[in-house]
Amino acid sequence: MSKETTHPHLFALHEHESATLRFISSTINALMRAKDPVLSMIPTVRTDRVLGTQNTMASGEVVDGPPMESAMKLTIQTKDVVEGDIVSFIASLDAAAGEGVGPLVRQVFDRIGKLAQGAGTAIDAAGAPVSWDLVLRGFEAMEIDFDAAGNPVMPTLVMHPDMLLKFKALDPPTAEQERRLKELIDRKREEHNARQRHRRLS
C-alpha cells in the first residue's frame, strides 16, 4: 500500500507567489526612489546575489563597501486582499517604502563619505556655517570635467535638506568670490586638459 502524501497548500501556485513578490519588491523600490532625489539618481540592477565592492583610490588605499541592507515592515491585511481593496494595499506598500528609505539613504551617504575621504575630496567644515567660501573649498577638492567647448561640467551638489535651505538663503557671491571661482575654473580646465593629453599619449 502506498503512503498517502499530504499537501498543506494543495492549490498553491509558486509562479503566482514569485510574481507577487517581484511586484511588491519593484513597487517598493520605485516608491523609495520617488521619495528621495539621491536614490532616484542611482541606477538599479536586479541580481541573484548582492556583492560588496572595493574601490582603489589614487593613493592606493582600498575602500571596502559591504552590501547595504534595506529592511522595512510590510503589513497587508487579509481583509483588504479578499475584498480587493487596492487603495489600502498601495498605502501599505507606500508605508513600507517610507520606513525603508531613511536607513538606506543614510547608508548611501556613509558610503559616499568614505569614498570622498579615500579620494581626498572630503572637507571638514569644523562647524562653520554654509557659505560661498565653503562651497569654493568643496569645488577646490573636486576633479571637474569640461565639455568639448571648454565649458565646466559642474558636479551635482547633494545636501541635507536643512543645509539646502541655508544654501538657498545665501546672498549672491561677492565680486571677490566670483573672481576666485573664475580662477578655480581656469585652473581646473588646465588640469583637465593635462589629463586628456596624458590619456592620449599613454
Protein backbone atom coordinates (compact mmCIF):
# COMPACT_ATOMS: atom_id res chain seq x y z
CA MET A 1 0.00 0.00 0.00
CA SER A 2 1.41 3.35 -0.96
CA LYS A 3 1.70 6.03 1.68
CA GLU A 4 -0.61 8.98 1.12
CA THR A 5 1.14 12.32 0.80
CA THR A 6 -0.46 15.43 2.26
CA HIS A 7 -0.05 18.92 0.77
CA PRO A 8 -0.56 21.78 3.24
CA HIS A 9 -1.19 24.16 0.32
CA LEU A 10 -2.74 21.94 -2.31
CA PHE A 11 -3.60 24.75 -4.73
CA ALA A 12 -0.53 26.93 -4.15
CA LEU A 13 0.84 28.33 -7.42
CA HIS A 14 4.52 29.14 -6.99
CA GLU A 15 4.66 31.21 -10.17
CA HIS A 16 1.92 33.47 -8.76
CA GLU A 17 3.79 33.83 -5.48
CA SER A 18 7.01 34.72 -7.31
CA ALA A 19 5.22 37.26 -9.48
CA THR A 20 3.61 38.83 -6.40
CA LEU A 21 6.96 39.12 -4.62
CA ARG A 22 8.56 40.70 -7.71
CA PHE A 23 5.69 43.19 -7.99
CA ILE A 24 5.91 44.15 -4.31
CA SER A 25 9.71 44.46 -4.44
CA SER A 26 9.69 46.53 -7.64
CA THR A 27 6.91 48.80 -6.38
CA ILE A 28 8.57 49.49 -3.03
CA ASN A 29 11.86 50.15 -4.82
CA ALA A 30 10.17 52.64 -7.17
CA LEU A 31 8.38 54.36 -4.27
CA MET A 32 11.62 54.70 -2.30
CA ARG A 33 13.34 56.24 -5.32
CA ALA A 34 10.43 58.65 -5.78
CA LYS A 35 10.72 59.73 -2.14
CA ASP A 36 14.42 60.62 -2.27
CA PRO A 37 16.26 62.57 -5.01
CA VAL A 38 19.59 60.87 -4.24
CA LEU A 39 18.18 57.36 -4.64
CA SER A 40 16.45 58.45 -7.85
CA MET A 41 19.85 59.19 -9.40
CA ILE A 42 21.28 55.75 -8.63
CA PRO A 43 20.53 53.12 -11.31
CA THR A 44 19.30 49.76 -10.07
CA VAL A 45 20.02 46.31 -11.45
CA ARG A 46 18.18 43.13 -10.45
CA THR A 47 20.59 40.34 -9.46
CA ASP A 48 20.53 36.98 -7.75
CA ARG A 49 23.40 37.93 -5.44
CA VAL A 50 24.36 41.15 -3.69
CA LEU A 51 28.12 41.55 -3.62
CA GLY A 52 30.32 44.02 -1.83
CA THR A 53 32.56 46.48 -3.65
CA GLN A 54 36.19 47.55 -3.43
CA ASN A 55 37.35 50.91 -4.76
CA THR A 56 41.07 51.57 -5.17
CA MET A 57 41.87 55.24 -4.72
CA ALA A 58 44.68 57.10 -6.49
CA SER A 59 46.67 56.89 -3.24
CA GLY A 60 46.45 53.09 -3.35
CA GLU A 61 44.01 52.95 -0.43
CA VAL A 62 41.24 50.39 -0.91
CA VAL A 63 37.80 51.40 0.34
CA ASP A 64 35.63 48.39 1.11
CA GLY A 65 31.88 48.64 0.54
CA PRO A 66 29.90 45.82 2.14
CA PRO A 67 26.38 45.16 0.79
CA MET A 68 23.78 47.61 2.06
CA GLU A 69 20.76 46.26 3.87
CA SER A 70 17.30 47.65 3.20
CA ALA A 71 14.70 46.38 5.66
CA MET A 72 11.18 47.55 6.34
CA LYS A 73 7.95 46.21 7.78
CA LEU A 74 5.17 45.45 5.29
CA THR A 75 1.70 44.87 6.74
CA ILE A 76 -1.04 43.64 4.41
CA GLN A 77 -4.48 42.95 5.84
CA THR A 78 -6.10 39.73 4.64
CA LYS A 79 -9.44 41.52 4.62
CA ASP A 80 -8.11 44.07 2.10
CA VAL A 81 -6.86 41.28 -0.17
CA VAL A 82 -10.14 39.36 -0.02
CA GLU A 83 -12.18 42.49 -0.70
CA GLY A 84 -9.81 43.67 -3.42
CA ASP A 85 -9.11 46.96 -1.62
CA ILE A 86 -6.31 48.18 -3.88
CA VAL A 87 -6.12 51.58 -2.14
CA SER A 88 -5.25 50.01 1.22
CA PHE A 89 -2.79 47.67 -0.48
CA ILE A 90 -0.97 50.57 -2.17
CA ALA A 91 -0.98 52.50 1.13
CA SER A 92 0.73 49.54 2.81
CA LEU A 93 3.43 49.48 0.12
CA ASP A 94 3.93 53.24 0.43
CA ALA A 95 4.25 52.99 4.23
CA ALA A 96 6.87 50.26 3.86
CA ALA A 97 8.82 52.39 1.38
CA GLY A 98 8.68 55.36 3.75
CA GLU A 99 10.06 53.24 6.57
CA GLY A 100 12.90 51.83 4.48
CA VAL A 101 14.09 54.94 2.63
CA GLY A 102 15.70 56.74 5.59
CA PRO A 103 18.05 53.94 6.74
CA LEU A 104 19.06 53.18 3.14
CA VAL A 105 19.87 56.82 2.33
CA ARG A 106 21.98 57.07 5.48
CA GLN A 107 23.99 54.07 4.30
CA VAL A 108 24.42 55.66 0.87
CA PHE A 109 25.73 58.91 2.38
CA ASP A 110 28.03 56.97 4.69
CA ARG A 111 29.46 55.15 1.65
CA ILE A 112 29.87 58.42 -0.27
CA GLY A 113 31.64 59.94 2.74
CA LYS A 114 34.12 57.05 2.97
CA LEU A 115 34.83 57.25 -0.77
CA ALA A 116 35.33 61.02 -0.55
CA GLN A 117 37.76 60.59 2.34
CA GLY A 118 39.64 57.90 0.45
CA ALA A 119 39.82 60.09 -2.66
CA GLY A 120 40.92 63.11 -0.64
CA THR A 121 37.92 65.18 -1.71
CA ALA A 122 36.28 65.37 1.72
CA ILE A 123 36.47 68.66 3.58
CA ASP A 124 35.92 69.32 7.28
CA ALA A 125 33.76 72.40 7.81
CA ALA A 126 34.67 72.30 11.53
CA GLY A 127 31.21 73.54 12.42
CA ALA A 128 31.39 76.55 10.09
CA PRO A 129 28.04 77.67 8.62
CA VAL A 130 27.15 77.21 4.98
CA SER A 131 28.85 79.89 2.87
CA TRP A 132 30.22 80.51 -0.60
CA ASP A 133 33.72 80.14 0.83
CA LEU A 134 32.79 76.62 1.99
CA VAL A 135 31.37 75.82 -1.45
CA LEU A 136 34.57 77.04 -3.10
CA ARG A 137 36.60 74.80 -0.78
CA GLY A 138 34.45 71.87 -1.89
CA PHE A 139 34.97 72.64 -5.58
CA GLU A 140 38.71 73.04 -4.96
CA ALA A 141 38.88 69.46 -3.66
CA MET A 142 36.94 68.01 -6.60
CA GLU A 143 38.01 66.94 -10.05
CA ILE A 144 35.96 68.94 -12.57
CA ASP A 145 35.48 67.84 -16.17
CA PHE A 146 34.86 70.05 -19.21
CA ASP A 147 32.94 69.56 -22.43
CA ALA A 148 34.37 69.84 -25.94
CA ALA A 149 33.82 73.60 -25.91
CA GLY A 150 35.78 74.00 -22.67
CA ASN A 151 32.72 74.66 -20.51
CA PRO A 152 32.86 73.19 -16.99
CA VAL A 153 30.61 70.23 -16.19
CA MET A 154 29.97 71.18 -12.59
CA PRO A 155 29.38 68.34 -10.10
CA THR A 156 25.95 67.85 -8.55
CA LEU A 157 25.76 69.18 -5.00
CA VAL A 158 23.95 66.84 -2.62
CA MET A 159 22.98 68.40 0.71
CA HIS A 160 20.90 67.68 3.74
CA PRO A 161 17.50 69.46 3.39
CA ASP A 162 18.34 71.82 6.28
CA MET A 163 21.67 72.72 4.67
CA LEU A 164 19.96 73.21 1.31
CA LEU A 165 17.60 75.79 2.81
CA LYS A 166 20.58 77.68 4.25
CA PHE A 167 22.38 77.48 0.92
CA LYS A 168 19.39 78.92 -0.94
CA ALA A 169 19.19 81.74 1.62
CA LEU A 170 22.79 82.86 0.96
CA ASP A 171 23.39 86.30 -0.52
CA PRO A 172 24.85 86.33 -4.05
CA PRO A 173 28.62 85.73 -4.11
CA THR A 174 30.78 88.82 -3.77
CA ALA A 175 32.99 90.09 -6.58
CA GLU A 176 35.98 88.58 -4.77
CA GLN A 177 34.28 85.17 -4.51
CA GLU A 178 33.31 85.31 -8.20
CA ARG A 179 36.93 86.10 -9.07
CA ARG A 180 38.14 83.13 -7.01
CA LEU A 181 35.59 80.88 -8.71
CA LYS A 182 36.75 82.00 -12.17
CA GLU A 183 40.40 81.37 -11.23
CA LEU A 184 39.44 77.96 -9.85
CA ILE A 185 37.61 77.05 -13.07
CA ASP A 186 40.57 78.19 -15.19
CA ARG A 187 42.95 76.08 -13.08
CA LYS A 188 40.64 73.04 -13.21
CA ARG A 189 40.39 73.43 -17.01
CA GLU A 190 44.19 73.30 -17.28
CA GLU A 191 44.24 70.17 -15.08
CA HIS A 192 41.51 68.60 -17.24
CA ASN A 193 43.42 69.35 -20.45
CA ALA A 194 46.59 67.88 -18.93
CA ARG A 195 44.72 64.69 -18.05
CA GLN A 196 43.37 64.47 -21.59
CA ARG A 197 46.85 64.89 -23.11
CA HIS A 198 48.22 62.21 -20.78
CA ARG A 199 45.48 59.78 -21.81
CA ARG A 200 46.19 60.35 -25.50
CA LEU A 201 49.92 59.77 -25.00
CA SER A 202 49.55 56.66 -22.84
